[in-house]
Amino acid sequence: MANTTIASEPAPVAFLDRLDGALLLRDPERRRLVEILAQRPDSASGLAERLGETRQRLNYHLRALEEAGVLELQEERRRGNCTERVLRPAAAGFVLDPGLAGGLPAPADAGDRASAGFLLTVFARAVGELGRLCRRAASERKRLATVGIESRVLLARPADMEAFVSDLTAAIAQVVARHHDAGAGARPFRVLAAAYPEPAGDGTTRTTGWSA
């Protein structure tokens, strides 16, 4: 039996909406196995030789990771009288469904849209919706129609933020009005726009002397 390649290139990002997958990635030993397989895909036997562990013990962890969608089969290959299953991470990175922590509240009303809580709620909803849409599109072998725009703006004073928000709101309203076809067959798309303080290189928040 010749080696059989099962999977194409891994996805850049995988969406995990199962609690077992999230918990498995929190386990240091299992996360280490995922990192090792990201460097070089391997079978339970191959990993056992590389790490000095028993094949049975590693196979237990690998099976759990595969069932949770963290690992996937890359190929099957012959080794002596056995067929080895070579595994690799299902993606270069993983995004967890925010809904795993419990039900998400609906976005707040217009009066709270300047709050960080509103922004977190909107982003969490977007991550969950987009993750499920991506999974469905992949299962149907379809391309999901999306667009992403990211930029940055430098604001020196609170008044600058107010002017920026006013200009941005007006610009988006104009664009939406030009492309809002309510006719039969029109497909709705969510449009998000947001701004928040850019973190410093070490992950802390930049100190600007004021907050919006």
N, C-alpha and C. Protein backbone atom coordinates (compact mmCIF):
# COMPACT_ATOMS: atom_id res chain seq x y z
N MET A 1 0.85 -1.21 0.00
CA MET A 1 0.00 0.00 0.00
C MET A 1 0.88 1.24 0.00
N ALA A 2 0.67 2.14 -0.96
CA ALA A 2 1.44 3.38 -1.03
C ALA A 2 0.91 4.38 0.00
N ASN A 3 1.76 5.37 0.31
CA ASN A 3 1.31 6.43 1.21
C ASN A 3 0.13 7.17 0.59
N THR A 4 -0.85 7.51 1.41
CA THR A 4 -2.05 8.19 0.93
C THR A 4 -2.17 9.54 1.60
N THR A 5 -2.14 10.61 0.81
CA THR A 5 -2.30 11.95 1.34
C THR A 5 -3.80 12.24 1.50
N ILE A 6 -4.18 12.66 2.70
CA ILE A 6 -5.59 12.87 3.00
C ILE A 6 -5.96 14.35 2.92
N ALA A 7 -5.20 15.21 3.56
CA ALA A 7 -5.57 16.61 3.68
C ALA A 7 -4.69 17.50 2.82
N SER A 8 -5.26 18.64 2.39
CA SER A 8 -4.49 19.65 1.68
C SER A 8 -3.79 20.53 2.72
N GLU A 9 -3.43 21.75 2.35
CA GLU A 9 -2.78 22.63 3.30
C GLU A 9 -3.73 22.97 4.45
N PRO A 10 -3.19 23.07 5.69
CA PRO A 10 -4.06 23.42 6.82
C PRO A 10 -4.60 24.84 6.68
N ALA A 11 -5.72 25.08 7.33
CA ALA A 11 -6.33 26.41 7.30
C ALA A 11 -5.49 27.37 8.14
N PRO A 12 -5.52 28.66 7.83
CA PRO A 12 -4.79 29.62 8.66
C PRO A 12 -5.38 29.74 10.06
N VAL A 13 -6.71 29.64 10.15
CA VAL A 13 -7.39 29.75 11.44
C VAL A 13 -8.52 28.74 11.50
N ALA A 14 -8.67 28.08 12.62
CA ALA A 14 -9.78 27.15 12.83
C ALA A 14 -10.66 27.68 13.96
N PHE A 15 -11.97 27.52 13.80
CA PHE A 15 -12.95 27.99 14.78
C PHE A 15 -13.37 26.81 15.65
N LEU A 16 -13.17 26.93 16.96
CA LEU A 16 -13.55 25.87 17.88
C LEU A 16 -14.78 26.29 18.67
N ASP A 17 -15.87 25.57 18.47
CA ASP A 17 -17.10 25.89 19.20
C ASP A 17 -17.51 24.76 20.13
N ARG A 18 -16.56 23.86 20.39
CA ARG A 18 -16.82 22.77 21.34
C ARG A 18 -15.96 22.98 22.58
N LEU A 19 -16.59 22.78 23.74
CA LEU A 19 -15.89 23.02 25.00
C LEU A 19 -14.70 22.08 25.17
N ASP A 20 -14.82 20.84 24.66
CA ASP A 20 -13.70 19.91 24.84
C ASP A 20 -12.45 20.40 24.12
N GLY A 21 -12.62 21.00 22.93
CA GLY A 21 -11.47 21.53 22.21
C GLY A 21 -10.80 22.64 22.98
N ALA A 22 -11.60 23.55 23.57
CA ALA A 22 -11.04 24.65 24.35
C ALA A 22 -10.30 24.13 25.57
N LEU A 23 -10.87 23.15 26.24
CA LEU A 23 -10.23 22.61 27.44
C LEU A 23 -8.94 21.86 27.09
N LEU A 24 -8.94 21.16 25.97
CA LEU A 24 -7.74 20.43 25.57
C LEU A 24 -6.59 21.39 25.28
N LEU A 25 -6.88 22.51 24.67
CA LEU A 25 -5.83 23.48 24.38
C LEU A 25 -5.31 24.16 25.63
N ARG A 26 -6.07 24.13 26.69
CA ARG A 26 -5.61 24.70 27.96
C ARG A 26 -4.68 23.76 28.71
N ASP A 27 -4.68 22.48 28.33
CA ASP A 27 -3.83 21.50 28.99
C ASP A 27 -2.40 21.66 28.46
N PRO A 28 -1.42 21.94 29.35
CA PRO A 28 -0.04 22.20 28.88
C PRO A 28 0.55 21.05 28.08
N GLU A 29 0.33 19.81 28.49
CA GLU A 29 0.93 18.68 27.79
C GLU A 29 0.33 18.52 26.40
N ARG A 30 -0.98 18.64 26.30
CA ARG A 30 -1.61 18.47 25.00
C ARG A 30 -1.31 19.66 24.08
N ARG A 31 -1.22 20.84 24.66
CA ARG A 31 -0.85 21.99 23.84
C ARG A 31 0.58 21.82 23.31
N ARG A 32 1.45 21.23 24.12
CA ARG A 32 2.82 20.98 23.67
C ARG A 32 2.83 20.01 22.50
N LEU A 33 1.98 18.99 22.52
CA LEU A 33 1.91 18.05 21.41
C LEU A 33 1.46 18.76 20.13
N VAL A 34 0.51 19.67 20.25
CA VAL A 34 0.05 20.43 19.09
C VAL A 34 1.20 21.27 18.52
N GLU A 35 1.98 21.90 19.40
CA GLU A 35 3.10 22.72 18.96
C GLU A 35 4.17 21.88 18.28
N ILE A 36 4.42 20.68 18.79
CA ILE A 36 5.42 19.79 18.19
C ILE A 36 4.97 19.33 16.81
N LEU A 37 3.69 19.00 16.69
CA LEU A 37 3.17 18.55 15.40
C LEU A 37 3.08 19.69 14.40
N ALA A 38 2.99 20.92 14.88
CA ALA A 38 3.00 22.05 13.97
C ALA A 38 4.36 22.19 13.30
N GLN A 39 5.41 21.82 14.02
CA GLN A 39 6.76 21.88 13.46
C GLN A 39 7.01 20.74 12.49
N ARG A 40 6.48 19.54 12.84
CA ARG A 40 6.64 18.40 11.95
C ARG A 40 5.53 17.39 12.23
N PRO A 41 4.58 17.25 11.31
CA PRO A 41 3.50 16.27 11.51
C PRO A 41 4.07 14.87 11.73
N ASP A 42 3.36 14.07 12.53
CA ASP A 42 3.89 12.75 12.84
C ASP A 42 2.75 11.86 13.34
N SER A 43 3.08 10.58 13.47
CA SER A 43 2.14 9.60 14.02
C SER A 43 2.42 9.41 15.49
N ALA A 44 1.56 8.64 16.15
CA ALA A 44 1.78 8.34 17.56
C ALA A 44 3.09 7.59 17.75
N SER A 45 3.41 6.66 16.84
CA SER A 45 4.66 5.91 16.94
C SER A 45 5.86 6.81 16.74
N GLY A 46 5.77 7.69 15.73
CA GLY A 46 6.87 8.60 15.47
C GLY A 46 7.10 9.55 16.63
N LEU A 47 6.01 10.06 17.21
CA LEU A 47 6.15 10.95 18.36
C LEU A 47 6.74 10.22 19.56
N ALA A 48 6.34 8.96 19.73
CA ALA A 48 6.86 8.18 20.85
C ALA A 48 8.38 8.06 20.77
N GLU A 49 8.89 7.85 19.55
CA GLU A 49 10.33 7.76 19.37
C GLU A 49 11.01 9.10 19.61
N ARG A 50 10.40 10.15 19.16
CA ARG A 50 10.99 11.48 19.30
C ARG A 50 10.99 11.96 20.74
N LEU A 51 9.93 11.63 21.49
CA LEU A 51 9.76 12.17 22.83
C LEU A 51 10.12 11.19 23.94
N GLY A 52 10.38 9.93 23.57
CA GLY A 52 10.68 8.93 24.60
C GLY A 52 9.47 8.57 25.43
N GLU A 53 8.29 8.64 24.83
CA GLU A 53 7.04 8.29 25.51
C GLU A 53 6.49 6.98 24.93
N THR A 54 5.48 6.43 25.59
CA THR A 54 4.85 5.22 25.07
C THR A 54 3.85 5.61 23.99
N ARG A 55 3.73 4.77 22.97
CA ARG A 55 2.81 5.05 21.88
C ARG A 55 1.37 5.07 22.38
N GLN A 56 1.04 4.16 23.30
CA GLN A 56 -0.33 4.07 23.79
C GLN A 56 -0.75 5.36 24.51
N ARG A 57 0.17 5.88 25.33
CA ARG A 57 -0.16 7.11 26.07
C ARG A 57 -0.34 8.29 25.13
N LEU A 58 0.55 8.43 24.18
CA LEU A 58 0.44 9.53 23.22
C LEU A 58 -0.78 9.37 22.34
N ASN A 59 -1.09 8.15 21.96
CA ASN A 59 -2.24 7.91 21.09
C ASN A 59 -3.53 8.34 21.78
N TYR A 60 -3.60 8.16 23.08
CA TYR A 60 -4.78 8.58 23.85
C TYR A 60 -4.98 10.09 23.72
N HIS A 61 -3.90 10.87 23.89
CA HIS A 61 -3.99 12.32 23.79
C HIS A 61 -4.28 12.76 22.36
N LEU A 62 -3.62 12.13 21.41
CA LEU A 62 -3.80 12.51 20.01
C LEU A 62 -5.23 12.25 19.55
N ARG A 63 -5.80 11.13 19.99
CA ARG A 63 -7.16 10.80 19.59
C ARG A 63 -8.14 11.85 20.13
N ALA A 64 -7.93 12.26 21.38
CA ALA A 64 -8.81 13.28 21.97
C ALA A 64 -8.69 14.60 21.22
N LEU A 65 -7.47 14.99 20.85
CA LEU A 65 -7.27 16.23 20.12
C LEU A 65 -7.87 16.17 18.72
N GLU A 66 -7.78 15.01 18.09
CA GLU A 66 -8.36 14.87 16.75
C GLU A 66 -9.88 14.90 16.81
N GLU A 67 -10.47 14.24 17.78
CA GLU A 67 -11.93 14.21 17.90
C GLU A 67 -12.49 15.61 18.19
N ALA A 68 -11.68 16.44 18.86
CA ALA A 68 -12.13 17.79 19.20
C ALA A 68 -11.90 18.78 18.07
N GLY A 69 -11.27 18.34 16.98
CA GLY A 69 -11.03 19.22 15.85
C GLY A 69 -9.76 20.03 15.94
N VAL A 70 -8.91 19.74 16.92
CA VAL A 70 -7.64 20.46 17.06
C VAL A 70 -6.59 19.89 16.12
N LEU A 71 -6.57 18.57 15.98
CA LEU A 71 -5.67 17.89 15.05
C LEU A 71 -6.48 17.30 13.90
N GLU A 72 -5.80 17.07 12.77
CA GLU A 72 -6.44 16.44 11.64
C GLU A 72 -5.47 15.48 10.97
N LEU A 73 -6.02 14.55 10.21
CA LEU A 73 -5.21 13.56 9.50
C LEU A 73 -4.56 14.20 8.28
N GLN A 74 -3.25 14.10 8.19
CA GLN A 74 -2.54 14.60 7.01
C GLN A 74 -2.33 13.51 5.97
N GLU A 75 -1.93 12.33 6.43
CA GLU A 75 -1.72 11.22 5.50
C GLU A 75 -1.69 9.90 6.25
N GLU A 76 -1.87 8.83 5.51
CA GLU A 76 -1.68 7.48 6.03
C GLU A 76 -0.50 6.88 5.29
N ARG A 77 0.40 6.22 6.03
CA ARG A 77 1.58 5.66 5.38
C ARG A 77 1.89 4.29 5.98
N ARG A 78 2.49 3.47 5.17
CA ARG A 78 2.86 2.13 5.60
C ARG A 78 4.15 2.17 6.40
N ARG A 79 4.17 1.42 7.48
CA ARG A 79 5.39 1.24 8.27
C ARG A 79 5.41 -0.21 8.71
N GLY A 80 6.18 -1.03 7.99
CA GLY A 80 6.17 -2.47 8.26
C GLY A 80 4.82 -3.04 7.88
N ASN A 81 4.21 -3.74 8.82
CA ASN A 81 2.90 -4.33 8.58
C ASN A 81 1.75 -3.43 9.05
N CYS A 82 2.09 -2.22 9.48
CA CYS A 82 1.07 -1.33 10.04
C CYS A 82 0.86 -0.11 9.14
N THR A 83 -0.29 0.49 9.31
CA THR A 83 -0.60 1.75 8.64
C THR A 83 -0.60 2.85 9.68
N GLU A 84 0.30 3.80 9.52
CA GLU A 84 0.40 4.90 10.47
C GLU A 84 -0.46 6.08 10.03
N ARG A 85 -1.09 6.70 11.00
CA ARG A 85 -1.89 7.91 10.74
C ARG A 85 -1.05 9.12 11.16
N VAL A 86 -0.66 9.92 10.20
CA VAL A 86 0.16 11.10 10.47
C VAL A 86 -0.77 12.29 10.72
N LEU A 87 -0.60 12.92 11.87
CA LEU A 87 -1.48 14.01 12.28
C LEU A 87 -0.74 15.34 12.27
N ARG A 88 -1.53 16.40 12.16
CA ARG A 88 -1.00 17.76 12.23
C ARG A 88 -2.09 18.66 12.80
N PRO A 89 -1.76 19.87 13.24
CA PRO A 89 -2.79 20.79 13.71
C PRO A 89 -3.76 21.13 12.57
N ALA A 90 -5.02 21.28 12.89
CA ALA A 90 -6.03 21.58 11.88
C ALA A 90 -5.87 22.99 11.31
N ALA A 91 -5.09 23.84 11.99
CA ALA A 91 -4.89 25.21 11.51
C ALA A 91 -3.64 25.78 12.16
N ALA A 92 -3.17 26.89 11.61
CA ALA A 92 -2.02 27.56 12.19
C ALA A 92 -2.38 28.23 13.51
N GLY A 93 -3.63 28.59 13.68
CA GLY A 93 -4.10 29.20 14.92
C GLY A 93 -5.55 28.85 15.17
N PHE A 94 -6.00 29.05 16.39
CA PHE A 94 -7.36 28.67 16.77
C PHE A 94 -8.08 29.86 17.41
N VAL A 95 -9.35 30.00 17.07
CA VAL A 95 -10.22 31.01 17.66
C VAL A 95 -11.34 30.29 18.39
N LEU A 96 -11.53 30.63 19.65
CA LEU A 96 -12.57 29.98 20.44
C LEU A 96 -13.88 30.76 20.34
N ASP A 97 -14.97 30.04 20.22
CA ASP A 97 -16.29 30.66 20.18
C ASP A 97 -16.54 31.36 21.52
N PRO A 98 -16.77 32.68 21.53
CA PRO A 98 -17.05 33.37 22.79
C PRO A 98 -18.25 32.79 23.53
N GLY A 99 -19.16 32.15 22.80
CA GLY A 99 -20.33 31.56 23.43
C GLY A 99 -20.02 30.38 24.33
N LEU A 100 -18.77 29.86 24.28
CA LEU A 100 -18.40 28.75 25.15
C LEU A 100 -18.44 29.15 26.62
N ALA A 101 -18.30 30.43 26.89
CA ALA A 101 -18.32 30.90 28.28
C ALA A 101 -19.74 31.12 28.79
N GLY A 102 -20.72 30.88 27.94
CA GLY A 102 -22.11 31.10 28.32
C GLY A 102 -22.80 31.95 27.29
N GLY A 103 -24.08 32.15 27.44
CA GLY A 103 -24.83 32.95 26.48
C GLY A 103 -24.35 34.39 26.42
N LEU A 104 -24.28 34.93 25.22
CA LEU A 104 -23.85 36.31 25.04
C LEU A 104 -25.07 37.23 25.06
N PRO A 105 -24.96 38.38 25.76
CA PRO A 105 -26.08 39.32 25.75
C PRO A 105 -26.20 39.99 24.39
N ALA A 106 -27.37 40.49 24.09
CA ALA A 106 -27.55 41.25 22.85
C ALA A 106 -26.80 42.57 22.98
N PRO A 107 -26.29 43.11 21.86
CA PRO A 107 -25.62 44.41 21.93
C PRO A 107 -26.51 45.46 22.58
N ALA A 108 -25.88 46.35 23.33
CA ALA A 108 -26.62 47.37 24.06
C ALA A 108 -27.28 48.36 23.10
N ASP A 109 -28.16 49.20 23.65
CA ASP A 109 -28.84 50.17 22.79
C ASP A 109 -27.90 51.30 22.40
N ALA A 110 -28.42 52.22 21.60
CA ALA A 110 -27.58 53.29 21.04
C ALA A 110 -26.92 54.14 22.11
N GLY A 111 -27.57 54.26 23.27
CA GLY A 111 -27.01 55.09 24.33
C GLY A 111 -25.71 54.57 24.89
N ASP A 112 -25.41 53.28 24.69
CA ASP A 112 -24.21 52.68 25.26
C ASP A 112 -23.15 52.37 24.22
N ARG A 113 -23.30 52.85 23.00
CA ARG A 113 -22.41 52.44 21.92
C ARG A 113 -21.00 53.01 22.04
N ALA A 114 -20.79 53.95 22.93
CA ALA A 114 -19.44 54.46 23.16
C ALA A 114 -18.72 53.67 24.24
N SER A 115 -19.39 52.66 24.81
CA SER A 115 -18.78 51.90 25.90
C SER A 115 -17.99 50.72 25.37
N ALA A 116 -16.96 50.33 26.13
CA ALA A 116 -16.16 49.17 25.76
C ALA A 116 -17.00 47.89 25.84
N GLY A 117 -17.97 47.87 26.75
CA GLY A 117 -18.82 46.69 26.87
C GLY A 117 -19.62 46.44 25.61
N PHE A 118 -20.15 47.51 25.00
CA PHE A 118 -20.88 47.37 23.75
C PHE A 118 -19.96 46.79 22.67
N LEU A 119 -18.73 47.33 22.59
CA LEU A 119 -17.79 46.87 21.57
C LEU A 119 -17.43 45.41 21.77
N LEU A 120 -17.19 44.99 23.00
CA LEU A 120 -16.89 43.59 23.27
C LEU A 120 -18.05 42.68 22.87
N THR A 121 -19.26 43.10 23.16
CA THR A 121 -20.43 42.30 22.81
C THR A 121 -20.57 42.16 21.30
N VAL A 122 -20.37 43.26 20.57
CA VAL A 122 -20.47 43.22 19.11
C VAL A 122 -19.38 42.33 18.52
N PHE A 123 -18.14 42.48 19.01
CA PHE A 123 -17.04 41.67 18.50
C PHE A 123 -17.26 40.18 18.80
N ALA A 124 -17.73 39.89 20.01
CA ALA A 124 -17.96 38.50 20.38
C ALA A 124 -19.03 37.88 19.48
N ARG A 125 -20.10 38.63 19.23
CA ARG A 125 -21.14 38.13 18.33
C ARG A 125 -20.57 37.90 16.93
N ALA A 126 -19.74 38.85 16.47
CA ALA A 126 -19.17 38.73 15.13
C ALA A 126 -18.27 37.51 15.01
N VAL A 127 -17.45 37.26 16.03
CA VAL A 127 -16.55 36.09 16.01
C VAL A 127 -17.36 34.80 15.92
N GLY A 128 -18.40 34.70 16.75
CA GLY A 128 -19.23 33.51 16.73
C GLY A 128 -19.95 33.30 15.41
N GLU A 129 -20.55 34.37 14.89
CA GLU A 129 -21.28 34.26 13.63
C GLU A 129 -20.34 33.93 12.48
N LEU A 130 -19.21 34.63 12.41
CA LEU A 130 -18.27 34.41 11.31
C LEU A 130 -17.66 33.02 11.38
N GLY A 131 -17.36 32.55 12.58
CA GLY A 131 -16.80 31.21 12.71
C GLY A 131 -17.75 30.14 12.20
N ARG A 132 -19.03 30.26 12.55
CA ARG A 132 -20.00 29.27 12.10
C ARG A 132 -20.23 29.37 10.59
N LEU A 133 -20.23 30.60 10.06
CA LEU A 133 -20.39 30.77 8.61
C LEU A 133 -19.21 30.16 7.85
N CYS A 134 -18.00 30.38 8.37
CA CYS A 134 -16.81 29.81 7.73
C CYS A 134 -16.86 28.29 7.72
N ARG A 135 -17.29 27.72 8.83
CA ARG A 135 -17.37 26.25 8.91
C ARG A 135 -18.40 25.71 7.92
N ARG A 136 -19.55 26.38 7.81
CA ARG A 136 -20.58 25.93 6.88
C ARG A 136 -20.10 26.06 5.43
N ALA A 137 -19.45 27.19 5.12
CA ALA A 137 -18.94 27.40 3.76
C ALA A 137 -17.91 26.34 3.40
N ALA A 138 -17.04 25.99 4.36
CA ALA A 138 -16.02 24.98 4.10
C ALA A 138 -16.65 23.62 3.86
N SER A 139 -17.68 23.29 4.63
CA SER A 139 -18.33 21.99 4.46
C SER A 139 -19.05 21.90 3.11
N GLU A 140 -19.50 23.05 2.60
CA GLU A 140 -20.19 23.08 1.31
C GLU A 140 -19.23 23.41 0.16
N ARG A 141 -17.95 23.55 0.49
CA ARG A 141 -16.93 23.91 -0.50
C ARG A 141 -17.29 25.19 -1.25
N LYS A 142 -17.72 26.18 -0.49
CA LYS A 142 -18.07 27.47 -1.06
C LYS A 142 -17.17 28.55 -0.46
N ARG A 143 -17.04 29.64 -1.19
CA ARG A 143 -16.25 30.77 -0.72
C ARG A 143 -17.18 31.76 -0.03
N LEU A 144 -16.82 32.17 1.17
CA LEU A 144 -17.64 33.08 1.93
C LEU A 144 -17.32 34.52 1.52
N ALA A 145 -18.35 35.29 1.19
CA ALA A 145 -18.17 36.68 0.76
C ALA A 145 -17.95 37.57 1.98
N THR A 146 -16.72 37.99 2.20
CA THR A 146 -16.39 38.87 3.33
C THR A 146 -15.41 39.93 2.88
N VAL A 147 -15.26 40.96 3.69
CA VAL A 147 -14.24 41.98 3.46
C VAL A 147 -13.78 42.48 4.83
N GLY A 148 -12.50 42.76 4.93
CA GLY A 148 -11.95 43.28 6.18
C GLY A 148 -11.07 44.48 5.91
N ILE A 149 -11.26 45.52 6.68
CA ILE A 149 -10.47 46.74 6.55
C ILE A 149 -9.91 47.09 7.92
N GLU A 150 -8.60 47.28 8.00
CA GLU A 150 -7.98 47.65 9.27
C GLU A 150 -7.05 48.84 9.03
N SER A 151 -7.14 49.82 9.89
CA SER A 151 -6.29 50.99 9.77
C SER A 151 -6.05 51.55 11.17
N ARG A 152 -5.39 52.68 11.25
CA ARG A 152 -5.18 53.34 12.55
C ARG A 152 -5.24 54.84 12.34
N VAL A 153 -5.62 55.54 13.40
CA VAL A 153 -5.71 56.99 13.36
C VAL A 153 -5.06 57.54 14.62
N LEU A 154 -4.40 58.68 14.51
CA LEU A 154 -3.75 59.32 15.65
C LEU A 154 -4.59 60.51 16.10
N LEU A 155 -5.03 60.48 17.34
CA LEU A 155 -5.87 61.53 17.90
C LEU A 155 -5.19 62.11 19.14
N ALA A 156 -5.10 63.41 19.22
CA ALA A 156 -4.37 64.05 20.32
C ALA A 156 -5.26 64.47 21.48
N ARG A 157 -6.53 64.77 21.20
CA ARG A 157 -7.41 65.32 22.23
C ARG A 157 -8.79 64.67 22.17
N PRO A 158 -9.54 64.70 23.27
CA PRO A 158 -10.90 64.16 23.23
C PRO A 158 -11.76 64.77 22.13
N ALA A 159 -11.55 66.04 21.85
CA ALA A 159 -12.34 66.69 20.80
C ALA A 159 -12.05 66.06 19.44
N ASP A 160 -10.81 65.59 19.25
CA ASP A 160 -10.46 64.93 18.00
C ASP A 160 -11.24 63.63 17.83
N MET A 161 -11.43 62.90 18.92
CA MET A 161 -12.21 61.67 18.88
C MET A 161 -13.65 61.96 18.49
N GLU A 162 -14.21 63.00 19.06
CA GLU A 162 -15.59 63.36 18.74
C GLU A 162 -15.74 63.70 17.26
N ALA A 163 -14.77 64.45 16.73
CA ALA A 163 -14.83 64.81 15.31
C ALA A 163 -14.64 63.58 14.43
N PHE A 164 -13.74 62.70 14.84
CA PHE A 164 -13.49 61.47 14.07
C PHE A 164 -14.74 60.60 14.02
N VAL A 165 -15.39 60.42 15.16
CA VAL A 165 -16.60 59.60 15.21
C VAL A 165 -17.69 60.20 14.34
N SER A 166 -17.83 61.52 14.38
CA SER A 166 -18.85 62.18 13.56
C SER A 166 -18.58 61.98 12.08
N ASP A 167 -17.31 62.16 11.66
CA ASP A 167 -16.95 61.99 10.25
C ASP A 167 -17.13 60.54 9.80
N LEU A 168 -16.70 59.61 10.66
CA LEU A 168 -16.79 58.19 10.30
C LEU A 168 -18.25 57.76 10.18
N THR A 169 -19.08 58.19 11.13
CA THR A 169 -20.50 57.84 11.10
C THR A 169 -21.16 58.36 9.83
N ALA A 170 -20.85 59.60 9.48
CA ALA A 170 -21.45 60.18 8.28
C ALA A 170 -21.00 59.46 7.02
N ALA A 171 -19.70 59.13 6.96
CA ALA A 171 -19.17 58.44 5.78
C ALA A 171 -19.79 57.06 5.61
N ILE A 172 -19.92 56.32 6.71
CA ILE A 172 -20.51 54.99 6.63
C ILE A 172 -21.97 55.07 6.23
N ALA A 173 -22.69 56.04 6.79
CA ALA A 173 -24.10 56.20 6.44
C ALA A 173 -24.27 56.47 4.96
N GLN A 174 -23.38 57.26 4.37
CA GLN A 174 -23.47 57.56 2.95
C GLN A 174 -23.20 56.32 2.10
N VAL A 175 -22.17 55.56 2.48
CA VAL A 175 -21.83 54.34 1.73
C VAL A 175 -22.95 53.32 1.82
N VAL A 176 -23.48 53.12 3.02
CA VAL A 176 -24.56 52.15 3.21
C VAL A 176 -25.79 52.56 2.40
N ALA A 177 -26.09 53.85 2.38
CA ALA A 177 -27.26 54.32 1.62
C ALA A 177 -27.10 54.06 0.13
N ARG A 178 -25.88 54.14 -0.39
CA ARG A 178 -25.64 53.91 -1.81
C ARG A 178 -25.71 52.43 -2.18
N HIS A 179 -25.51 51.58 -1.21
CA HIS A 179 -25.45 50.14 -1.49
C HIS A 179 -26.50 49.36 -0.71
N HIS A 180 -27.62 49.96 -0.46
CA HIS A 180 -28.68 49.32 0.33
C HIS A 180 -29.85 48.99 -0.59
N ASP A 181 -29.81 47.80 -1.17
CA ASP A 181 -30.86 47.36 -2.09
C ASP A 181 -31.82 46.46 -1.34
N ALA A 182 -33.03 46.95 -1.13
CA ALA A 182 -34.02 46.18 -0.38
C ALA A 182 -34.91 45.34 -1.29
N GLY A 183 -34.49 45.16 -2.55
CA GLY A 183 -35.30 44.40 -3.48
C GLY A 183 -35.29 42.92 -3.18
N ALA A 184 -36.12 42.16 -3.90
CA ALA A 184 -36.21 40.72 -3.70
C ALA A 184 -34.86 40.07 -3.99
N GLY A 185 -34.48 39.17 -3.12
CA GLY A 185 -33.22 38.45 -3.32
C GLY A 185 -32.01 39.14 -2.74
N ALA A 186 -32.18 40.35 -2.20
CA ALA A 186 -31.05 41.06 -1.60
C ALA A 186 -30.59 40.31 -0.36
N ARG A 187 -29.28 40.18 -0.21
CA ARG A 187 -28.72 39.44 0.93
C ARG A 187 -28.16 40.41 1.95
N PRO A 188 -28.54 40.29 3.22
CA PRO A 188 -28.04 41.23 4.24
C PRO A 188 -26.61 40.91 4.67
N PHE A 189 -25.83 41.94 4.89
CA PHE A 189 -24.47 41.83 5.41
C PHE A 189 -24.35 42.73 6.64
N ARG A 190 -23.63 42.25 7.66
CA ARG A 190 -23.34 43.12 8.80
C ARG A 190 -22.14 44.00 8.45
N VAL A 191 -22.24 45.26 8.83
CA VAL A 191 -21.14 46.21 8.63
C VAL A 191 -20.73 46.72 10.01
N LEU A 192 -19.47 46.52 10.37
CA LEU A 192 -18.97 46.95 11.67
C LEU A 192 -17.88 48.00 11.48
N ALA A 193 -17.87 48.97 12.35
CA ALA A 193 -16.78 49.95 12.41
C ALA A 193 -16.50 50.22 13.87
N ALA A 194 -15.25 50.26 14.24
CA ALA A 194 -14.90 50.42 15.65
C ALA A 194 -13.56 51.11 15.78
N ALA A 195 -13.31 51.64 16.95
CA ALA A 195 -12.00 52.21 17.28
C ALA A 195 -11.75 51.97 18.76
N TYR A 196 -10.52 51.60 19.10
CA TYR A 196 -10.14 51.43 20.50
C TYR A 196 -8.65 51.71 20.62
N PRO A 197 -8.16 52.01 21.82
CA PRO A 197 -6.74 52.35 21.98
C PRO A 197 -5.84 51.20 21.52
N GLU A 198 -4.86 51.51 20.73
CA GLU A 198 -3.93 50.50 20.24
C GLU A 198 -2.99 50.07 21.37
N PRO A 199 -2.88 48.76 21.64
CA PRO A 199 -1.96 48.31 22.69
C PRO A 199 -0.52 48.59 22.31
N ALA A 200 0.31 48.77 23.32
CA ALA A 200 1.75 48.92 23.09
C ALA A 200 2.34 47.58 22.69
N GLY A 201 3.59 47.58 22.32
CA GLY A 201 4.23 46.34 21.87
C GLY A 201 4.24 45.25 22.91
N ASP A 202 4.24 45.63 24.20
CA ASP A 202 4.26 44.62 25.26
C ASP A 202 2.87 44.19 25.68
N GLY A 203 1.86 44.65 24.95
CA GLY A 203 0.48 44.24 25.25
C GLY A 203 -0.24 45.17 26.20
N THR A 204 0.46 46.14 26.78
CA THR A 204 -0.21 47.08 27.67
C THR A 204 -0.89 48.17 26.84
N THR A 205 -1.76 48.93 27.48
CA THR A 205 -2.45 50.01 26.78
C THR A 205 -1.59 51.26 26.78
N ARG A 206 -1.55 51.93 25.64
CA ARG A 206 -0.78 53.16 25.56
C ARG A 206 -1.41 54.22 26.47
N THR A 207 -0.58 54.99 27.12
CA THR A 207 -1.06 56.06 27.98
C THR A 207 -1.14 57.34 27.17
N THR A 208 -2.33 57.87 27.00
CA THR A 208 -2.51 59.06 26.19
C THR A 208 -2.86 60.29 27.02
N GLY A 209 -3.17 60.07 28.29
CA GLY A 209 -3.55 61.21 29.12
C GLY A 209 -5.05 61.46 29.10
N TRP A 210 -5.77 60.76 28.27
CA TRP A 210 -7.22 60.90 28.22
C TRP A 210 -7.81 59.62 27.70
N SER A 211 -9.09 59.42 27.93
CA SER A 211 -9.79 58.25 27.45
C SER A 211 -11.07 58.67 26.78
N ALA A 212 -11.45 57.90 25.78
CA ALA A 212 -12.69 58.25 25.06
C ALA A 212 -13.86 57.56 25.70
